[in-house]
Amino acid sequence: KENDRYICPMGKPLPFKGFDRTADGRLLRNYWAAPSDCRQCSFKPTCAPKARCRKITRTAYDEQYLISLKH
């Protein structure tokens, strides 16, 4: 949370890279690993088989959504 990133199963960072919008206008946050990290990873065939690197997309309001689920 403090660094605004995720960590892949092999311990590599997936930092925040920018925003996108869905077709209906909802805001999304994108996180992805460095392609060089994924290229040399033995888990790439199962982790990100059809992509250059591991990518995670969340709604821009993911934190508020998760907090509301706890209550």
Protein backbone atom coordinates (compact mmCIF):
# COMPACT_ATOMS: atom_id res chain seq x y z
CA LYS A 1 0.00 0.00 0.00
CA GLU A 2 2.70 2.53 0.93
CA ASN A 3 4.64 1.91 -2.31
CA ASP A 4 1.50 1.48 -4.49
CA ARG A 5 2.62 -1.84 -5.93
CA TYR A 6 1.96 -5.55 -5.86
CA ILE A 7 4.53 -8.32 -5.49
CA CYS A 8 4.55 -11.34 -7.81
CA PRO A 9 4.79 -14.91 -6.43
CA MET A 10 8.56 -14.82 -7.08
CA GLY A 11 9.03 -11.62 -5.07
CA LYS A 12 9.41 -9.16 -7.96
CA PRO A 13 7.61 -5.79 -7.79
CA LEU A 14 4.66 -4.86 -9.98
CA PRO A 15 4.61 -1.06 -9.57
CA PHE A 16 1.75 1.23 -10.55
CA LYS A 17 2.11 2.18 -14.23
CA GLY A 18 -0.93 4.29 -14.99
CA PHE A 19 -4.66 4.53 -15.50
CA ASP A 20 -7.00 3.15 -18.18
CA ARG A 21 -10.72 3.42 -18.68
CA THR A 22 -13.21 0.69 -19.48
CA ALA A 23 -15.58 1.05 -22.44
CA ASP A 24 -18.23 2.41 -20.07
CA GLY A 25 -15.86 4.97 -18.53
CA ARG A 26 -14.83 3.30 -15.25
CA LEU A 27 -11.31 4.12 -14.09
CA LEU A 28 -8.74 1.30 -13.81
CA ARG A 29 -5.27 1.17 -12.22
CA ASN A 30 -2.55 -0.88 -13.97
CA TYR A 31 0.41 -2.58 -12.36
CA TRP A 32 2.99 -4.70 -14.16
CA ALA A 33 6.36 -6.31 -13.71
CA ALA A 34 9.47 -5.50 -15.68
CA PRO A 35 9.49 -7.69 -18.81
CA SER A 36 13.14 -8.52 -18.11
CA ASP A 37 12.14 -10.00 -14.72
CA CYS A 38 9.46 -12.16 -16.31
CA ARG A 39 11.59 -13.23 -19.28
CA GLN A 40 14.09 -15.00 -17.00
CA CYS A 41 11.49 -16.41 -14.57
CA SER A 42 10.82 -20.15 -14.53
CA PHE A 43 7.15 -19.52 -13.61
CA LYS A 44 6.37 -17.33 -16.62
CA PRO A 45 4.78 -20.19 -18.62
CA THR A 46 2.07 -20.50 -15.95
CA CYS A 47 2.05 -16.96 -14.51
CA ALA A 48 1.89 -14.89 -17.72
CA PRO A 49 1.92 -17.39 -20.61
CA LYS A 50 0.56 -15.09 -23.34
CA ALA A 51 1.90 -11.76 -22.11
CA ARG A 52 5.33 -10.14 -22.01
CA CYS A 53 5.02 -9.77 -18.25
CA ARG A 54 2.73 -10.23 -15.25
CA LYS A 55 0.03 -7.54 -15.17
CA ILE A 56 -2.63 -6.73 -12.58
CA THR A 57 -5.56 -4.40 -13.21
CA ARG A 58 -7.74 -3.08 -10.39
CA THR A 59 -10.50 -0.53 -10.21
CA ALA A 60 -9.34 2.87 -9.05
CA TYR A 61 -11.66 2.38 -6.07
CA ASP A 62 -10.40 -1.08 -5.10
CA GLU A 63 -9.18 -0.02 -1.63
CA GLN A 64 -12.53 1.54 -0.68
CA TYR A 65 -14.35 -1.52 -2.05
CA LEU A 66 -12.22 -3.93 0.01
CA ILE A 67 -12.69 -1.84 3.16
CA SER A 68 -16.48 -1.90 2.68
CA LEU A 69 -16.41 -5.72 2.43
CA LYS A 70 -14.81 -5.96 5.88
CA HIS A 71 -17.66 -4.07 7.56
